[in-house]
Structure formats: structure tokens, C-alpha cells
Amino acid sequence: NNDKRALIDNVSETLNYIKTFTMTATERASKITNKQLKNSILMSVERLSMLATQLRVVSTVKATLLGVSEEQNNESLSIIYTVVNNISKGITSTMRDVSVADKVKA
């Protein structure tokens, strides 16, 4: 029961960070005049939002499966790792694009 609560709390905190990050990135994108960079950032934000939804769903399933079948438990954990890895890549890509846009502006 503590494991379920910890998983849900950690995912909720992560989702809040992603929400804040995507809001900030969207605000930054609105000030970028280079269409290619702007579109790249906005596409990354959209992808991060989709991945956040996936993380929410998969972690809910994972919390439900805790203590049930080890095979299903491991499978859901593998999916969570994949989603989190993709979120990390999306954040890195977005930060790189914002950094490039800042340099172009300067």
C-alpha cells in the first residue's frame, strides 16, 4: 500500500514538473520568430503532453498491479521506463531548441 502511494505521489510530482516545463516552453515559443524553431518547440511540447498522459495511465495500471503478477508488474515497469526515457529526451530536445533560439535572437 505504501508502494502504491509512493508511486502515485512521485508520478504526480513528475507530471506537475512536466506541466510547468511545457507551459514555460510554450511561452518561450510564442516569442520566437524563427518558424522552424518555434514549430519544433511546439511539437516537442505536444509530444511531452502526450507522454505525460501515457505516464499517468501506465503508472495507474502499475499501481493497480503491484503485488499481483510478477510478469505483468515487470511489463508495466518496462513501459514506465520507456515513457520516462522519452520524456527525458523530449525535455532535452526542447531545451536545446530554446537555447538555439536564444542564440539566434542575440
Foldseek 3Di string as FASTA:
>chain_A
DVVLVVLLVVLVVVLVVLVVLLVVLLVLLVPFPPPVLSVLLPVLSVVLVVLSVVLNVLSVVLSVCVPPDPVVNVVSVVVNVVSVVSNVVSSVSSVVSSVVSVVVVD
